[in-house]
Amino acid sequence: MIQIRPVSDLRNKFTEIERVVKNGEPVYLTKNGYGAMVVLSLDKYAEITNDTEIKLDEADKFAAQSEARLTHEDIFANVRGN
């Protein structure tokens, strides 16, 4: 079940939030009724961002070896297959 809590629960009910996060579920925090942030375990965060980190490392290596630079239009056209 989705966990949506006020940001004050991060301070007042930390152990409850920690238990949910340790089980691999995110906790969505609100401030004044609006979404403010999401709390994730480090493992879940790594799972979500690992592919991005690998691709960024590949891009850094390519950029270091090449003088070619692409605009964001070129990149999105390549991704879309245009």
Protein backbone atom coordinates (compact mmCIF):
# COMPACT_ATOMS: atom_id res chain seq x y z
CA MET A 1 0.00 0.00 0.00
CA ILE A 2 1.28 3.49 -0.83
CA GLN A 3 2.59 5.32 2.21
CA ILE A 4 1.84 9.06 2.16
CA ARG A 5 2.71 10.91 5.32
CA PRO A 6 3.30 14.47 6.50
CA VAL A 7 6.96 15.46 6.60
CA SER A 8 6.66 15.87 10.40
CA ASP A 9 6.37 12.05 10.61
CA LEU A 10 9.98 11.84 9.50
CA ARG A 11 10.92 13.31 12.87
CA ASN A 12 8.06 12.05 15.03
CA LYS A 13 7.63 8.52 13.65
CA PHE A 14 11.03 7.78 12.15
CA THR A 15 11.07 4.11 13.16
CA GLU A 16 7.74 3.48 11.39
CA ILE A 17 9.00 5.13 8.21
CA GLU A 18 12.31 3.28 8.48
CA ARG A 19 10.49 -0.06 8.72
CA VAL A 20 8.48 0.66 5.55
CA VAL A 21 11.57 1.81 3.66
CA LYS A 22 13.61 -1.23 4.78
CA ASN A 23 10.89 -3.42 3.27
CA GLY A 24 11.65 -1.84 -0.11
CA GLU A 25 8.69 0.50 -0.29
CA PRO A 26 8.95 4.27 -0.78
CA VAL A 27 7.38 6.73 1.64
CA TYR A 28 5.95 9.89 0.09
CA LEU A 29 6.17 12.93 2.35
CA THR A 30 3.92 15.95 2.12
CA LYS A 31 4.33 19.48 3.40
CA ASN A 32 1.22 21.63 3.79
CA GLY A 33 -0.72 19.01 1.82
CA TYR A 34 1.60 19.02 -1.20
CA GLY A 35 4.16 16.42 -2.24
CA ALA A 36 7.58 17.36 -0.88
CA MET A 37 9.88 14.33 -1.17
CA VAL A 38 10.21 10.57 -1.32
CA VAL A 39 12.21 8.48 1.13
CA LEU A 40 13.82 5.32 -0.27
CA SER A 41 16.28 2.78 1.05
CA LEU A 42 19.78 3.02 -0.38
CA ASP A 43 19.30 -0.38 -2.03
CA LYS A 44 16.09 0.72 -3.76
CA TYR A 45 17.67 4.00 -4.85
CA ALA A 46 20.67 2.15 -6.28
CA GLU A 47 18.33 -0.25 -8.10
CA ILE A 48 16.48 2.66 -9.69
CA THR A 49 19.54 4.71 -10.63
CA ASN A 50 22.13 2.03 -11.48
CA ASP A 51 21.40 1.98 -15.23
CA THR A 52 21.58 5.76 -15.35
CA GLU A 53 24.94 5.79 -13.58
CA ILE A 54 26.33 3.21 -16.02
CA LYS A 55 25.13 5.22 -19.03
CA LEU A 56 26.58 8.44 -17.61
CA ASP A 57 29.94 6.70 -17.08
CA GLU A 58 29.84 5.48 -20.69
CA ALA A 59 29.06 9.00 -21.90
CA ASP A 60 31.95 10.44 -19.86
CA LYS A 61 34.37 7.90 -21.39
CA PHE A 62 33.12 8.67 -24.91
CA ALA A 63 33.41 12.42 -24.33
CA ALA A 64 36.98 12.02 -23.08
CA GLN A 65 37.95 10.10 -26.22
CA SER A 66 36.14 12.19 -28.81
CA GLU A 67 35.87 15.81 -29.86
CA ALA A 68 32.31 15.21 -31.14
CA ARG A 69 29.58 16.99 -29.23
CA LEU A 70 25.85 16.49 -29.77
CA THR A 71 23.00 18.88 -29.11
CA HIS A 72 20.06 17.73 -27.06
CA GLU A 73 18.02 17.72 -30.30
CA ASP A 74 20.48 15.25 -31.83
CA ILE A 75 20.36 13.01 -28.79
CA PHE A 76 16.57 12.93 -28.58
CA ALA A 77 16.32 12.31 -32.33
CA ASN A 78 18.65 9.30 -31.88
CA VAL A 79 16.62 7.98 -28.96
CA ARG A 80 13.37 8.35 -30.88
CA GLY A 81 14.90 6.67 -33.93
CA ASN A 82 14.44 9.69 -36.22
